[in-house]
Protein backbone atom coordinates (compact mmCIF):
# COMPACT_ATOMS: atom_id res chain seq x y z
CA MET A 1 0.00 0.00 0.00
CA PRO A 2 1.07 3.61 -0.43
CA ALA A 3 2.69 5.33 2.54
CA GLY A 4 0.63 6.35 5.54
CA ALA A 5 -2.36 4.00 5.30
CA ASP A 6 -4.47 4.89 8.31
CA VAL A 7 -8.22 4.34 7.72
CA VAL A 8 -9.86 1.11 6.56
CA LYS A 9 -13.52 0.78 5.53
CA PHE A 10 -15.41 -2.26 4.23
CA ASP A 11 -18.34 -2.42 1.81
CA PRO A 12 -19.97 -5.77 2.66
CA SER A 13 -22.29 -5.66 -0.35
CA LEU A 14 -19.36 -5.59 -2.80
CA SER A 15 -16.86 -7.33 -0.48
CA ARG A 16 -14.47 -4.43 -1.04
CA ILE A 17 -11.98 -2.88 1.34
CA TYR A 18 -10.97 0.78 1.00
CA VAL A 19 -7.85 2.16 2.67
CA ALA A 20 -7.19 5.92 2.89
CA CYS A 21 -3.53 6.79 2.42
CA PRO A 22 -2.68 10.44 3.19
CA SER A 23 0.13 10.19 0.64
CA GLY A 24 -2.57 10.66 -2.03
CA PHE A 25 -4.30 7.34 -2.70
CA ILE A 26 -7.24 5.17 -1.76
CA SER A 27 -6.20 1.53 -2.01
CA VAL A 28 -8.98 -0.82 -3.10
CA PHE A 29 -9.03 -4.56 -2.37
CA GLN A 30 -11.53 -7.25 -3.30
CA ALA A 31 -12.21 -9.83 -0.57
CA GLN A 32 -12.42 -13.19 -2.29
CA ASP A 33 -13.06 -15.03 0.98
CA ALA A 34 -12.11 -14.56 4.64
CA GLU A 35 -8.43 -15.27 3.97
CA HIS A 36 -7.87 -14.13 0.39
CA TYR A 37 -7.82 -10.58 -0.94
CA ARG A 38 -6.90 -9.16 -4.32
CA LYS A 39 -5.65 -5.61 -4.81
CA LEU A 40 -7.68 -3.82 -7.47
CA GLU A 41 -5.82 -0.52 -7.51
CA ASP A 42 -4.34 2.49 -5.76
CA PHE A 43 -6.79 5.19 -6.82
CA PRO A 44 -5.14 8.66 -6.82
CA VAL A 45 -6.76 11.36 -4.69
CA GLN A 46 -5.59 14.60 -3.12
CA LYS A 47 -3.04 14.25 -0.33
CA MET A 48 -4.04 14.31 3.34
CA VAL A 49 -7.21 12.18 3.05
CA HIS A 50 -7.42 10.72 6.58
CA SER A 51 -11.04 9.58 6.65
CA LEU A 52 -13.44 7.52 4.58
CA ALA A 53 -17.06 6.55 4.73
CA VAL A 54 -18.66 3.87 2.58
CA ASP A 55 -22.38 3.58 1.84
CA SER A 56 -22.99 -0.14 1.31
CA THR A 57 -26.33 0.53 -0.41
CA THR A 58 -25.12 2.99 -3.07
CA HIS A 59 -21.45 1.86 -2.93
CA ARG A 60 -20.35 5.49 -2.79
CA VAL A 61 -17.09 6.27 -1.07
CA TYR A 62 -16.92 9.60 0.77
CA ALA A 63 -13.55 11.23 1.36
CA PRO A 64 -13.12 14.62 3.05
CA GLU A 65 -10.30 16.62 1.50
CA GLN A 66 -8.06 18.89 3.56
CA GLN A 67 -5.81 19.97 0.70
CA GLU A 68 -5.98 20.56 -3.01
CA ASN A 69 -2.58 20.79 -4.68
CA GLY A 70 -1.03 21.84 -1.35
CA GLN A 71 -3.64 24.54 -0.55
CA SER A 72 -6.03 24.21 2.39
CA VAL A 73 -9.62 23.25 1.54
CA ALA A 74 -12.56 21.72 3.37
CA ARG A 75 -14.82 19.65 1.14
CA MET A 76 -16.33 16.22 0.76
CA ILE A 77 -15.58 14.27 -2.41
CA VAL A 78 -17.87 11.42 -3.43
CA TYR A 79 -16.60 8.54 -5.57
CA GLU A 80 -18.81 6.02 -7.33
CA ALA A 81 -17.54 2.45 -7.10
CA THR A 82 -17.82 0.42 -10.26
CA THR A 83 -19.15 -3.11 -10.05
CA SER A 84 -16.82 -4.43 -12.74
CA ASP A 85 -13.47 -6.10 -12.05
CA ARG A 86 -11.84 -2.72 -11.35
CA SER A 87 -13.04 -0.33 -8.68
CA LYS A 88 -12.86 3.42 -8.93
CA PRO A 89 -13.73 4.65 -5.45
């Protein structure tokens, strides 16, 4: 995983795990069973994302941004997860 992974959220409906990495990525894993996971991607986001929320009904991933290109901001970004083999949070 990218540096600084600090928040893990699970979408039980899609069996996906999302990990916020303040270095500028959300790592996405597919749970194949209780002991096997497959990395789908490191999805690039703004740096300093320390929190995530996942809606298991809509599969949306919510990420509050603290920075945009090094400048302070305060906003919520919403990503739509795809249900294909690749996930875009």
